[in-house]
PDB file of all heavy atoms in Angstrom:
ATOM      1  N   VAL A   1       0.832  -1.208   0.000  1.00  0.00           N
ATOM      2  CA  VAL A   1       0.000   0.000   0.000  1.00  0.00           C
ATOM      3  C   VAL A   1       0.868   1.261   0.000  1.00  0.00           C
ATOM      4  O   VAL A   1       0.464   2.312  -0.504  1.00  0.00           O
ATOM      5  CB  VAL A   1      -0.937  -0.019   1.230  1.00  0.00           C
ATOM      6  CG1 VAL A   1      -1.721   1.288   1.341  1.00  0.00           C
ATOM      7  CG2 VAL A   1      -1.891  -1.207   1.150  1.00  0.00           C
ATOM      8  N   ASP A   2       2.078   1.142   0.534  1.00  0.00           N
ATOM      9  CA  ASP A   2       2.949   2.309   0.696  1.00  0.00           C
ATOM     10  C   ASP A   2       3.271   3.055  -0.600  1.00  0.00           C
ATOM     11  O   ASP A   2       3.322   4.288  -0.596  1.00  0.00           O
ATOM     12  CB  ASP A   2       4.260   1.900   1.367  1.00  0.00           C
ATOM     13  CG  ASP A   2       4.077   1.472   2.817  1.00  0.00           C
ATOM     14  OD1 ASP A   2       2.968   1.643   3.362  1.00  0.00           O
ATOM     15  OD2 ASP A   2       5.043   0.956   3.413  1.00  0.00           O
ATOM     16  N   PRO A   3       3.550   2.366  -1.721  1.00  0.00           N
ATOM     17  CA  PRO A   3       4.049   3.108  -2.897  1.00  0.00           C
ATOM     18  C   PRO A   3       3.083   4.120  -3.475  1.00  0.00           C
ATOM     19  O   PRO A   3       3.502   4.991  -4.242  1.00  0.00           O
ATOM     20  CB  PRO A   3       4.349   1.997  -3.915  1.00  0.00           C
ATOM     21  CG  PRO A   3       3.545   0.830  -3.482  1.00  0.00           C
ATOM     22  CD  PRO A   3       3.522   0.913  -1.984  1.00  0.00           C
ATOM     23  N   TYR A   4       1.794   4.064  -3.101  1.00  0.00           N
ATOM     24  CA  TYR A   4       0.837   5.025  -3.656  1.00  0.00           C
ATOM     25  C   TYR A   4       1.069   6.445  -3.129  1.00  0.00           C
ATOM     26  O   TYR A   4       0.644   7.417  -3.770  1.00  0.00           O
ATOM     27  CB  TYR A   4      -0.597   4.568  -3.368  1.00  0.00           C
ATOM     28  CG  TYR A   4      -0.923   3.258  -4.044  1.00  0.00           C
ATOM     29  CD1 TYR A   4      -1.053   2.086  -3.314  1.00  0.00           C
ATOM     30  CD2 TYR A   4      -1.061   3.181  -5.433  1.00  0.00           C
ATOM     31  CE1 TYR A   4      -1.324   0.874  -3.929  1.00  0.00           C
ATOM     32  CE2 TYR A   4      -1.334   1.969  -6.058  1.00  0.00           C
ATOM     33  CZ  TYR A   4      -1.464   0.829  -5.299  1.00  0.00           C
ATOM     34  OH  TYR A   4      -1.723  -0.370  -5.918  1.00  0.00           O
ATOM     35  N   TRP A   5       1.755   6.575  -1.990  1.00  0.00           N
ATOM     36  CA  TRP A   5       2.087   7.921  -1.514  1.00  0.00           C
ATOM     37  C   TRP A   5       2.916   8.661  -2.567  1.00  0.00           C
ATOM     38  O   TRP A   5       2.638   9.816  -2.890  1.00  0.00           O
ATOM     39  CB  TRP A   5       2.879   7.845  -0.207  1.00  0.00           C
ATOM     40  CG  TRP A   5       2.068   7.463   0.991  1.00  0.00           C
ATOM     41  CD1 TRP A   5       1.763   6.199   1.398  1.00  0.00           C
ATOM     42  CD2 TRP A   5       1.441   8.348   1.926  1.00  0.00           C
ATOM     43  NE1 TRP A   5       0.995   6.243   2.542  1.00  0.00           N
ATOM     44  CE2 TRP A   5       0.783   7.539   2.887  1.00  0.00           C
ATOM     45  CE3 TRP A   5       1.386   9.734   2.069  1.00  0.00           C
ATOM     46  CZ2 TRP A   5       0.082   8.078   3.959  1.00  0.00           C
ATOM     47  CZ3 TRP A   5       0.690  10.281   3.145  1.00  0.00           C
ATOM     48  CH2 TRP A   5       0.044   9.461   4.069  1.00  0.00           C
ATOM     49  N   ALA A   6       3.907   7.976  -3.105  1.00  0.00           N
ATOM     50  CA  ALA A   6       4.763   8.613  -4.108  1.00  0.00           C
ATOM     51  C   ALA A   6       4.128   8.591  -5.486  1.00  0.00           C
ATOM     52  O   ALA A   6       4.090   9.608  -6.178  1.00  0.00           O
ATOM     53  CB  ALA A   6       6.121   7.920  -4.156  1.00  0.00           C
ATOM     54  N   SER A   7       3.613   7.428  -5.897  1.00  0.00           N
ATOM     55  CA  SER A   7       3.125   7.300  -7.271  1.00  0.00           C
ATOM     56  C   SER A   7       1.932   8.205  -7.542  1.00  0.00           C
ATOM     57  O   SER A   7       1.704   8.609  -8.688  1.00  0.00           O
ATOM     58  CB  SER A   7       2.757   5.844  -7.570  1.00  0.00           C
ATOM     59  OG  SER A   7       1.649   5.415  -6.798  1.00  0.00           O
ATOM     60  N   CYS A   8       1.174   8.553  -6.497  1.00  0.00           N
ATOM     61  CA  CYS A   8       0.002   9.425  -6.661  1.00  0.00           C
ATOM     62  C   CYS A   8       0.255  10.849  -6.156  1.00  0.00           C
ATOM     63  O   CYS A   8      -0.676  11.643  -6.018  1.00  0.00           O
ATOM     64  CB  CYS A   8      -1.201   8.828  -5.941  1.00  0.00           C
ATOM     65  SG  CYS A   8      -1.756   7.261  -6.636  1.00  0.00           S
ATOM     66  N   GLU A   9       1.510  11.165  -5.868  1.00  0.00           N
ATOM     67  CA  GLU A   9       1.924  12.514  -5.476  1.00  0.00           C
ATOM     68  C   GLU A   9       1.207  13.023  -4.230  1.00  0.00           C
ATOM     69  O   GLU A   9       0.664  14.129  -4.195  1.00  0.00           O
ATOM     70  CB  GLU A   9       1.738  13.504  -6.637  1.00  0.00           C
ATOM     71  CG  GLU A   9       2.613  13.177  -7.850  1.00  0.00           C
ATOM     72  CD  GLU A   9       2.487  14.203  -8.975  1.00  0.00           C
ATOM     73  OE1 GLU A   9       1.480  14.945  -9.002  1.00  0.00           O
ATOM     74  OE2 GLU A   9       3.391  14.253  -9.828  1.00  0.00           O
ATOM     75  N   VAL A  10       1.213  12.194  -3.188  1.00  0.00           N
ATOM     76  CA  VAL A  10       0.697  12.624  -1.888  1.00  0.00           C
ATOM     77  C   VAL A  10       1.908  12.961  -1.023  1.00  0.00           C
ATOM     78  O   VAL A  10       2.579  12.080  -0.479  1.00  0.00           O
ATOM     79  CB  VAL A  10      -0.143  11.521  -1.215  1.00  0.00           C
ATOM     80  CG1 VAL A  10      -0.704  12.030   0.118  1.00  0.00           C
ATOM     81  CG2 VAL A  10      -1.273  11.084  -2.127  1.00  0.00           C
ATOM     82  N   ASP A  11       2.223  14.230  -0.910  1.00  0.00           N
ATOM     83  CA  ASP A  11       3.405  14.676  -0.173  1.00  0.00           C
ATOM     84  C   ASP A  11       3.074  14.897   1.303  1.00  0.00           C
ATOM     85  O   ASP A  11       1.941  15.221   1.666  1.00  0.00           O
ATOM     86  CB  ASP A  11       3.945  15.975  -0.768  1.00  0.00           C
ATOM     87  CG  ASP A  11       4.390  15.801  -2.211  1.00  0.00           C
ATOM     88  OD1 ASP A  11       4.922  14.725  -2.528  1.00  0.00           O
ATOM     89  OD2 ASP A  11       4.189  16.731  -3.012  1.00  0.00           O
ATOM     90  N   ILE A  12       4.096  14.747   2.135  1.00  0.00           N
ATOM     91  CA  ILE A  12       3.927  14.955   3.574  1.00  0.00           C
ATOM     92  C   ILE A  12       4.656  16.215   4.026  1.00  0.00           C
ATOM     93  O   ILE A  12       4.055  17.104   4.635  1.00  0.00           O
ATOM     94  CB  ILE A  12       4.435  13.738   4.368  1.00  0.00           C
ATOM     95  CG1 ILE A  12       3.650  12.479   3.968  1.00  0.00           C
ATOM     96  CG2 ILE A  12       4.303  13.993   5.879  1.00  0.00           C
ATOM     97  CD1 ILE A  12       4.189  11.201   4.584  1.00  0.00           C
ATOM     98  N   LEU A  13       5.960  16.317   3.735  1.00  0.00           N
ATOM     99  CA  LEU A  13       6.754  17.462   4.160  1.00  0.00           C
ATOM    100  C   LEU A  13       7.425  18.144   2.972  1.00  0.00           C
ATOM    101  O   LEU A  13       7.701  17.520   1.955  1.00  0.00           O
ATOM    102  CB  LEU A  13       7.852  17.030   5.148  1.00  0.00           C
ATOM    103  CG  LEU A  13       7.429  16.401   6.473  1.00  0.00           C
ATOM    104  CD1 LEU A  13       8.666  16.073   7.309  1.00  0.00           C
ATOM    105  CD2 LEU A  13       6.496  17.321   7.261  1.00  0.00           C
ATOM    106  N   ALA A  14       7.672  19.429   3.130  1.00  0.00           N
ATOM    107  CA  ALA A  14       8.468  20.207   2.177  1.00  0.00           C
ATOM    108  C   ALA A  14       9.365  21.132   3.000  1.00  0.00           C
ATOM    109  O   ALA A  14       9.486  20.981   4.217  1.00  0.00           O
ATOM    110  CB  ALA A  14       7.567  20.993   1.228  1.00  0.00           C
ATOM    111  N   ARG A  15      10.005  22.085   2.332  1.00  0.00           N
ATOM    112  CA  ARG A  15      10.884  23.044   3.017  1.00  0.00           C
ATOM    113  C   ARG A  15      10.340  24.456   2.845  1.00  0.00           C
ATOM    114  O   ARG A  15       9.799  24.803   1.793  1.00  0.00           O
ATOM    115  CB  ARG A  15      12.281  23.016   2.410  1.00  0.00           C
ATOM    116  CG  ARG A  15      12.938  21.667   2.388  1.00  0.00           C
ATOM    117  CD  ARG A  15      13.701  21.400   3.654  1.00  0.00           C
ATOM    118  NE  ARG A  15      14.490  20.192   3.528  1.00  0.00           N
ATOM    119  CZ  ARG A  15      15.331  19.759   4.428  1.00  0.00           C
ATOM    120  NH1 ARG A  15      15.529  20.465   5.533  1.00  0.00           N
ATOM    121  NH2 ARG A  15      16.007  18.639   4.261  1.00  0.00           N
ATOM    122  N   ASP A  16      10.516  25.271   3.875  1.00  0.00           N
ATOM    123  CA  ASP A  16      10.186  26.677   3.707  1.00  0.00           C
ATOM    124  C   ASP A  16      11.459  27.454   3.379  1.00  0.00           C
ATOM    125  O   ASP A  16      12.544  26.876   3.236  1.00  0.00           O
ATOM    126  CB  ASP A  16       9.479  27.241   4.937  1.00  0.00           C
ATOM    127  CG  ASP A  16      10.339  27.209   6.194  1.00  0.00           C
ATOM    128  OD1 ASP A  16      11.582  27.104   6.075  1.00  0.00           O
ATOM    129  OD2 ASP A  16       9.776  27.301   7.299  1.00  0.00           O
ATOM    130  N   GLU A  17      11.353  28.769   3.271  1.00  0.00           N
ATOM    131  CA  GLU A  17      12.498  29.577   2.841  1.00  0.00           C
ATOM    132  C   GLU A  17      13.640  29.571   3.855  1.00  0.00           C
ATOM    133  O   GLU A  17      14.786  29.891   3.519  1.00  0.00           O
ATOM    134  CB  GLU A  17      12.050  31.021   2.584  1.00  0.00           C
ATOM    135  CG  GLU A  17      11.454  31.748   3.768  1.00  0.00           C
ATOM    136  CD  GLU A  17       9.972  31.479   3.941  1.00  0.00           C
ATOM    137  OE1 GLU A  17       9.435  30.603   3.225  1.00  0.00           O
ATOM    138  OE2 GLU A  17       9.333  32.148   4.785  1.00  0.00           O
ATOM    139  N   ASP A  18      13.352  29.186   5.099  1.00  0.00           N
ATOM    140  CA  ASP A  18      14.397  29.130   6.131  1.00  0.00           C
ATOM    141  C   ASP A  18      15.041  27.753   6.247  1.00  0.00           C
ATOM    142  O   ASP A  18      15.924  27.548   7.083  1.00  0.00           O
ATOM    143  CB  ASP A  18      13.812  29.528   7.491  1.00  0.00           C
ATOM    144  CG  ASP A  18      13.299  30.962   7.505  1.00  0.00           C
ATOM    145  OD1 ASP A  18      13.971  31.827   6.899  1.00  0.00           O
ATOM    146  OD2 ASP A  18      12.236  31.207   8.102  1.00  0.00           O
ATOM    147  N   GLY A  19      14.594  26.821   5.427  1.00  0.00           N
ATOM    148  CA  GLY A  19      15.135  25.469   5.488  1.00  0.00           C
ATOM    149  C   GLY A  19      14.439  24.565   6.484  1.00  0.00           C
ATOM    150  O   GLY A  19      14.847  23.413   6.680  1.00  0.00           O
ATOM    151  N   ASP A  20      13.398  25.061   7.143  1.00  0.00           N
ATOM    152  CA  ASP A  20      12.648  24.240   8.089  1.00  0.00           C
ATOM    153  C   ASP A  20      11.681  23.327   7.341  1.00  0.00           C
ATOM    154  O   ASP A  20      11.183  23.663   6.267  1.00  0.00           O
ATOM    155  CB  ASP A  20      11.842  25.121   9.050  1.00  0.00           C
ATOM    156  CG  ASP A  20      12.719  25.861  10.037  1.00  0.00           C
ATOM    157  OD1 ASP A  20      13.714  25.270  10.506  1.00  0.00           O
ATOM    158  OD2 ASP A  20      12.410  27.029  10.340  1.00  0.00           O
ATOM    159  N   PHE A  21      11.409  22.162   7.935  1.00  0.00           N
ATOM    160  CA  PHE A  21      10.372  21.292   7.396  1.00  0.00           C
ATOM    161  C   PHE A  21       9.012  21.944   7.608  1.00  0.00           C
ATOM    162  O   PHE A  21       8.756  22.561   8.652  1.00  0.00           O
ATOM    163  CB  PHE A  21      10.383  19.930   8.095  1.00  0.00           C
ATOM    164  CG  PHE A  21      11.600  19.108   7.811  1.00  0.00           C
ATOM    165  CD1 PHE A  21      12.366  18.618   8.863  1.00  0.00           C
ATOM    166  CD2 PHE A  21      11.988  18.818   6.517  1.00  0.00           C
ATOM    167  CE1 PHE A  21      13.492  17.845   8.618  1.00  0.00           C
ATOM    168  CE2 PHE A  21      13.107  18.049   6.260  1.00  0.00           C
ATOM    169  CZ  PHE A  21      13.866  17.562   7.310  1.00  0.00           C
ATOM    170  N   THR A  22       8.147  21.789   6.624  1.00  0.00           N
ATOM    171  CA  THR A  22       6.787  22.291   6.743  1.00  0.00           C
ATOM    172  C   THR A  22       5.824  21.245   6.211  1.00  0.00           C
ATOM    173  O   THR A  22       6.147  20.512   5.267  1.00  0.00           O
ATOM    174  CB  THR A  22       6.604  23.617   5.977  1.00  0.00           C
ATOM    175  OG1 THR A  22       5.278  24.105   6.153  1.00  0.00           O
ATOM    176  CG2 THR A  22       6.889  23.452   4.496  1.00  0.00           C
ATOM    177  N   ILE A  23       4.672  21.135   6.816  1.00  0.00           N
ATOM    178  CA  ILE A  23       3.691  20.108   6.436  1.00  0.00           C
ATOM    179  C   ILE A  23       2.897  20.563   5.216  1.00  0.00           C
ATOM    180  O   ILE A  23       2.330  21.656   5.205  1.00  0.00           O
ATOM    181  CB  ILE A  23       2.744  19.815   7.611  1.00  0.00           C
ATOM    182  CG1 ILE A  23       3.538  19.258   8.798  1.00  0.00           C
ATOM    183  CG2 ILE A  23       1.656  18.820   7.197  1.00  0.00           C
ATOM    184  CD1 ILE A  23       2.727  19.126  10.077  1.00  0.00           C
ATOM    185  N   VAL A  24       2.863  19.728   4.194  1.00  0.00           N
ATOM    186  CA  VAL A  24       2.101  20.028   2.973  1.00  0.00           C
ATOM    187  C   VAL A  24       1.054  18.950   2.710  1.00  0.00           C
ATOM    188  O   VAL A  24       0.393  18.962   1.673  1.00  0.00           O
ATOM    189  CB  VAL A  24       3.037  20.158   1.754  1.00  0.00           C
ATOM    190  CG1 VAL A  24       3.953  21.363   1.895  1.00  0.00           C
ATOM    191  CG2 VAL A  24       3.852  18.889   1.535  1.00  0.00           C
TER     192      VAL A  24
END
């Protein structure tokens, strides 16, 4: 079931302008 996170473009974290993790 795990690969659908990537294959369907369901993102969890990204970066903000300060380099901190941010939830998306």
